[in-house]
Protein backbone atom coordinates (compact mmCIF):
# COMPACT_ATOMS: atom_id res chain seq x y z
CA MET A 1 74.10 55.71 21.74
CA GLN A 2 75.00 57.62 24.91
CA THR A 3 76.14 61.17 24.17
CA THR A 4 76.29 62.80 27.62
CA PRO A 5 79.40 62.26 29.78
CA TYR A 6 79.18 59.53 32.42
CA ARG A 7 78.88 60.87 35.98
CA HIS A 8 79.78 58.63 38.90
CA SER A 9 76.97 58.55 41.48
CA SER A 10 77.88 57.60 45.05
CA GLU A 11 74.23 58.08 45.96
CA ARG A 12 73.07 55.12 43.89
CA TYR A 13 75.77 52.89 45.39
CA ALA A 14 74.66 54.06 48.84
CA LYS A 15 71.06 53.10 48.13
CA CYS A 16 72.21 49.61 47.21
CA ILE A 17 74.07 49.38 50.52
CA ASP A 18 70.94 50.44 52.43
CA ALA A 19 68.86 47.82 50.62
CA SER A 20 71.51 45.16 51.22
CA LYS A 21 71.41 45.83 54.96
CA ARG A 22 67.62 45.89 55.06
CA ILE A 23 66.94 42.63 53.18
CA ARG A 24 69.90 40.58 54.39
CA TRP A 25 68.91 36.90 54.80
CA ASP A 26 70.39 33.61 56.03
CA ILE A 27 70.18 30.36 54.06
CA ASP A 28 69.07 28.11 56.94
CA HIS A 29 67.21 30.55 59.18
CA ASP A 30 65.25 32.39 56.49
CA VAL A 31 65.16 30.24 53.35
CA ILE A 32 65.37 26.50 53.99
CA ARG A 33 64.05 26.42 57.56
CA GLY A 34 64.40 22.63 57.82
CA ARG A 35 62.19 21.99 54.77
CA ARG A 36 62.66 19.90 51.64
CA MET A 37 61.45 20.41 48.09
CA ASP A 38 57.90 19.16 47.55
CA VAL A 39 58.37 16.73 44.65
CA ALA A 40 54.59 16.38 44.36
CA LYS A 41 54.68 19.89 42.86
CA LYS A 42 56.43 21.56 39.94
CA PHE A 43 59.69 23.49 40.29
CA LEU A 44 59.60 25.69 37.19
CA PRO A 45 56.36 27.23 35.88
CA ASP A 46 55.16 26.43 32.36
CA GLY A 47 56.08 29.92 31.20
CA LEU A 48 59.74 28.98 31.71
CA SER A 49 59.77 25.21 31.20
CA LEU A 50 57.45 25.26 28.13
CA ALA A 51 56.21 21.83 29.32
CA ASP A 52 52.67 22.80 28.36
CA ARG A 53 53.72 22.64 24.69
CA LEU A 54 54.19 18.87 24.93
CA ASP A 55 50.62 17.59 24.71
CA PHE A 56 51.74 13.94 24.64
CA LEU A 57 53.05 14.20 28.21
CA GLY A 58 50.78 13.43 31.14
CA ALA A 59 50.47 15.70 34.18
CA ASP A 60 53.02 13.70 36.20
CA GLU A 61 55.46 13.72 33.29
CA LYS A 62 55.13 17.48 32.84
CA ARG A 63 55.80 17.90 36.55
CA LEU A 64 58.91 15.73 36.28
CA LEU A 65 60.11 17.73 33.28
CA SER A 66 59.70 20.95 35.30
CA GLN A 67 61.75 19.40 38.09
CA VAL A 68 64.53 18.29 35.74
CA GLN A 69 64.69 21.81 34.33
CA GLY A 70 64.54 23.17 37.86
CA MET A 71 67.67 21.26 38.84
CA THR A 72 69.45 22.75 35.85
CA TYR A 73 68.04 26.20 36.66
CA ALA A 74 69.58 26.10 40.14
CA HIS A 75 72.90 24.79 38.84
CA MET A 76 73.00 27.45 36.11
CA PHE A 77 72.66 30.25 38.63
CA GLY A 78 75.37 28.72 40.76
CA LEU A 79 77.51 28.50 37.62
CA VAL A 80 77.19 32.14 36.54
CA GLU A 81 77.63 33.44 40.07
CA ARG A 82 81.08 31.87 40.14
CA TYR A 83 82.34 34.27 37.48
CA ILE A 84 80.18 37.19 38.66
CA GLY A 85 81.63 37.13 42.16
CA ALA A 86 85.18 37.04 40.78
CA LYS A 87 84.48 39.89 38.36
CA VAL A 88 82.88 42.14 40.96
CA LEU A 89 85.80 41.56 43.31
CA GLU A 90 88.12 42.58 40.47
CA LEU A 91 86.06 45.72 39.76
CA SER A 92 86.21 46.73 43.40
CA ARG A 93 89.94 47.37 42.97
CA ASP A 94 89.11 50.56 41.06
CA HIS A 95 87.50 51.91 44.23
CA TRP A 96 90.06 50.73 46.79
CA LEU A 97 91.61 54.17 47.26
CA GLY A 98 88.67 56.11 45.88
CA ASP A 99 84.94 56.03 46.51
CA GLN A 100 84.55 53.99 49.69
CA VAL A 101 80.78 53.88 49.29
CA ALA A 102 81.11 52.19 45.90
CA LEU A 103 83.74 49.87 47.39
CA GLU A 104 81.39 48.77 50.18
CA ALA A 105 78.56 48.21 47.72
CA LEU A 106 80.71 45.93 45.56
CA VAL A 107 82.14 44.05 48.53
CA ARG A 108 78.59 43.38 49.73
CA PHE A 109 77.68 42.30 46.19
CA THR A 110 80.55 39.78 46.20
CA ASP A 111 79.61 38.46 49.64
CA GLU A 112 76.02 37.94 48.51
CA GLU A 113 77.10 36.14 45.34
CA LEU A 114 79.19 33.74 47.44
CA LYS A 115 76.11 33.11 49.59
CA HIS A 116 74.02 32.47 46.47
CA GLN A 117 76.56 29.91 45.25
CA GLU A 118 76.22 28.05 48.55
CA LEU A 119 72.43 28.26 48.36
CA PHE A 120 72.33 26.72 44.91
CA ARG A 121 74.81 24.01 45.87
CA ARG A 122 72.44 23.13 48.72
CA VAL A 123 69.42 23.17 46.43
CA GLY A 124 71.22 20.96 43.90
CA ALA A 125 72.19 18.41 46.55
CA MET A 126 68.69 18.42 48.02
CA THR A 127 66.92 17.82 44.73
CA ALA A 128 69.43 15.12 43.74
CA GLU A 129 68.40 13.17 46.85
CA ASP A 130 64.68 13.43 46.12
CA LEU A 131 64.60 12.79 42.36
CA PRO A 132 65.66 9.67 40.43
CA ALA A 133 69.40 9.05 40.25
CA GLY A 134 71.35 9.82 37.11
CA TYR A 135 70.98 13.58 36.61
CA THR A 136 74.24 15.28 35.56
CA PHE A 137 75.07 18.95 35.22
CA LEU A 138 77.82 19.01 32.63
CA PRO A 139 79.36 22.55 32.59
CA GLN A 140 82.24 23.03 35.00
CA PRO A 141 81.91 26.35 36.90
CA ASN A 142 85.62 27.20 37.02
CA ASP A 143 86.15 26.40 33.33
CA VAL A 144 83.14 28.52 32.35
CA ALA A 145 84.26 31.36 34.64
CA GLN A 146 87.75 31.39 33.10
CA ALA A 147 86.28 31.50 29.60
CA VAL A 148 83.92 34.37 30.46
CA LEU A 149 86.57 36.35 32.30
CA SER A 150 88.89 36.11 29.30
CA LYS A 151 86.60 38.55 27.49
CA CYS A 152 86.72 42.33 27.94
CA THR A 153 85.07 43.88 30.99
CA TRP A 154 82.46 45.73 28.90
CA ALA A 155 81.12 42.46 27.48
CA VAL A 156 81.27 40.62 30.81
CA LEU A 157 79.25 43.39 32.49
CA ALA A 158 76.74 43.42 29.63
CA LEU A 159 76.22 39.67 30.03
CA THR A 160 75.97 40.01 33.81
CA CYS A 161 73.43 42.82 33.68
CA HIS A 162 71.38 40.73 31.25
CA ILE A 163 71.46 37.71 33.59
CA GLU A 164 70.48 39.60 36.70
CA LEU A 165 67.65 41.39 34.94
CA PHE A 166 66.16 38.16 33.60
CA SER A 167 66.45 36.48 37.00
CA GLN A 168 64.22 39.20 38.42
CA ALA A 169 61.76 38.98 35.53
CA HIS A 170 61.48 35.20 35.91
CA TYR A 171 60.59 35.52 39.58
CA ARG A 172 58.15 38.41 39.26
CA GLU A 173 56.40 37.29 36.09
CA SER A 174 56.40 33.49 36.37
CA ILE A 175 57.63 31.92 39.61
CA ASP A 176 55.87 34.12 42.17
CA ALA A 177 52.54 33.93 40.36
CA ASP A 178 52.33 30.12 40.08
CA PRO A 179 50.53 28.42 43.01
CA GLU A 180 51.48 24.95 41.73
CA LEU A 181 55.19 25.25 42.55
CA SER A 182 57.00 23.77 45.54
CA GLU A 183 56.82 26.30 48.36
CA LEU A 184 60.52 25.95 49.22
CA TRP A 185 61.43 26.36 45.54
CA LYS A 186 59.48 29.61 45.41
CA ASP A 187 61.14 30.84 48.59
CA VAL A 188 64.63 30.11 47.24
CA PHE A 189 64.02 32.35 44.27
CA MET A 190 62.12 34.97 46.23
CA PHE A 191 65.11 35.53 48.51
CA HIS A 192 67.49 35.35 45.55
CA TRP A 193 65.40 37.97 43.73
CA LYS A 194 65.57 40.35 46.70
CA GLU A 195 69.36 40.65 46.46
CA GLU A 196 69.59 40.38 42.68
CA SER A 197 67.46 43.52 42.43
CA GLN A 198 70.35 45.50 43.92
CA HIS A 199 72.96 43.62 41.92
CA ALA A 200 71.36 44.62 38.63
CA ILE A 201 71.64 48.28 39.63
CA LEU A 202 75.33 47.86 40.47
CA ASP A 203 75.91 45.97 37.21
CA GLU A 204 74.53 48.90 35.26
CA LEU A 205 76.56 51.46 37.24
CA GLU A 206 79.79 49.55 36.64
CA TRP A 207 78.92 48.84 32.99
CA ARG A 208 78.35 52.54 32.31
CA ARG A 209 81.54 53.40 34.21
CA GLU A 210 83.50 50.95 32.09
CA ASP A 211 81.88 52.18 28.88
CA ALA A 212 82.99 55.74 29.63
CA LYS A 213 86.64 54.60 29.47
CA LEU A 214 86.41 53.14 25.97
CA ASP A 215 86.99 54.55 22.53
CA ALA A 216 84.95 53.45 19.50
CA VAL A 217 87.31 50.62 18.56
CA GLN A 218 87.36 49.20 22.08
CA ARG A 219 83.57 49.39 22.33
CA ASP A 220 83.23 47.58 19.02
CA GLN A 221 85.46 44.84 20.41
CA GLY A 222 83.16 44.72 23.41
CA VAL A 223 80.22 44.06 21.10
CA ASP A 224 82.17 41.27 19.40
CA ASP A 225 82.99 39.76 22.79
CA LEU A 226 79.36 39.97 23.92
CA ILE A 227 78.23 38.14 20.78
CA ALA A 228 80.92 35.50 21.41
CA LEU A 229 79.73 35.09 25.02
CA VAL A 230 76.13 34.61 23.91
CA GLY A 231 77.33 31.96 21.46
CA ALA A 232 79.25 30.22 24.24
CA VAL A 233 76.19 30.27 26.49
CA ASP A 234 74.16 28.71 23.70
CA GLY A 235 76.77 25.97 23.36
CA ILE A 236 76.30 25.18 27.05
CA LEU A 237 72.52 25.14 26.62
CA GLN A 238 72.69 22.76 23.68
CA MET A 239 74.89 20.39 25.68
CA GLN A 240 72.83 20.52 28.88
CA SER A 241 69.42 20.36 27.19
CA ALA A 242 70.53 17.17 25.42
CA ALA A 243 71.73 15.67 28.72
CA ASP A 244 68.48 16.64 30.45
CA ALA A 245 66.40 15.12 27.65
CA ASP A 246 68.41 11.89 27.95
CA TYR A 247 67.87 11.84 31.73
CA PHE A 248 64.13 12.50 31.41
CA LEU A 249 63.73 9.71 28.84
CA ARG A 250 65.64 7.28 31.08
CA VAL A 251 63.59 7.93 34.21
CA CYS A 252 60.18 8.10 32.52
CA LYS A 253 58.27 4.86 32.88
CA ARG A 254 57.24 4.57 29.25
CA LEU A 255 58.64 4.83 25.73
CA PHE A 256 58.14 7.68 23.28
CA ASP A 257 58.19 7.53 19.50
CA ALA A 258 60.82 9.29 17.41
CA GLU A 259 58.62 12.32 16.71
CA GLN A 260 57.86 12.78 20.40
CA VAL A 261 61.53 12.46 21.33
CA GLY A 262 62.39 15.10 18.72
CA MET A 263 59.71 17.43 20.11
CA LEU A 264 60.97 16.90 23.64
CA ARG A 265 64.56 17.71 22.69
CA GLY A 266 63.54 20.76 20.65
CA THR A 267 61.30 22.09 23.41
CA LEU A 268 64.00 21.70 26.06
CA LEU A 269 66.48 23.66 23.96
CA ALA A 270 63.88 26.33 23.18
CA ALA A 271 63.05 26.59 26.89
CA TYR A 272 66.70 26.98 27.85
CA ARG A 273 67.33 29.56 25.16
CA TRP A 274 64.33 31.48 26.44
CA GLN A 275 65.35 31.17 30.09
CA TYR A 276 69.03 32.05 29.79
CA ILE A 277 69.36 34.22 26.67
CA LEU A 278 66.23 35.59 25.07
CA SER A 279 64.26 36.63 28.15
CA GLY A 280 67.22 38.82 29.14
CA ALA A 281 68.02 40.05 25.64
CA GLN A 282 64.42 41.19 25.26
CA HIS A 283 64.18 42.78 28.72
CA PRO A 284 63.11 46.42 28.24
CA HIS A 285 65.69 47.85 30.64
CA PHE A 286 68.52 45.83 29.14
CA LEU A 287 67.55 47.05 25.67
CA LYS A 288 67.38 50.62 26.97
CA VAL A 289 70.87 50.57 28.52
CA LEU A 290 72.43 48.69 25.63
CA GLY A 291 70.84 51.11 23.15
CA GLU A 292 72.38 54.03 25.00
CA LEU A 293 75.86 52.51 24.80
CA VAL A 294 76.10 51.13 21.27
CA THR A 295 75.48 52.42 17.76
CA GLU A 296 72.52 51.37 15.64
CA ALA A 297 74.82 49.23 13.49
CA GLN A 298 76.21 47.47 16.57
CA MET A 299 72.69 46.86 17.86
CA GLN A 300 71.82 45.29 14.52
CA ARG A 301 74.84 42.99 14.78
CA ILE A 302 73.69 41.83 18.18
CA GLY A 303 70.15 41.31 16.91
CA ALA A 304 71.42 39.28 13.97
CA ALA A 305 73.37 37.02 16.35
CA LEU A 306 70.25 36.45 18.47
CA ALA A 307 67.84 35.86 15.60
CA PRO A 308 68.71 32.16 14.96
CA LEU A 309 68.22 31.40 18.67
CA ALA A 310 64.76 32.93 18.67
CA ALA A 311 63.82 30.97 15.55
């Protein structure tokens, strides 16, 4: 647990501003460029989709499964960025009449999150036109945002830091390295990664700033809220993985036996838990920051909450 006093660093906020200016991109001019998704190729790599675990699927079926998960992947990022943008705008209030460098960094952060929401809406609409009809993304962004924002700021920032760290890891370790993915799909997440790299830094700065305000009781409540948020995310994943399995089974051109259907459903849920919870919870930097802010007993509580999801 952190023992040294928190020191506000305008310099780190300034570096994020410099990076934001340098890598600024436009959805149409830089990312889409008049292209469409190549549905002859995968969207998500096997390391994220876990499609390679399903030996009874043919190559075309594994590609379709990666595309179904890819649609959900885009919608999920659009979903979380709804609450993230609102939260960062709220946090900026603390800097309105204070550190103007930090204020600019957070305003840029909010602007970029709004752009990302538009990007993922565009991606969702594009893929819906090119893939078989009937896909449905069930979670409602505003309802989810209200539920997340009802929790304490410490927990919301912990969840946000976790999300933006895993989004970077997914791109660097899986998406960028796979030559079998749609080129436009890869570009969407390459440009997204460029800005999320700065957002993760700002998440950590604001998380540590918030932590410095709390006493032990308040921090313990933050841990409880974080565990509750992870449970809520898992509820969303259970609901959406079931819907995606149903969609996949409807649009596939053959029947599967009961054992295969069970394996498909289990693998989809395992893939989503890996994508949206475990890959972030196991991220080395997330574990480092979290370990500096909580006690060993609190870390064990968090680990105990995650253990059933990993199993």
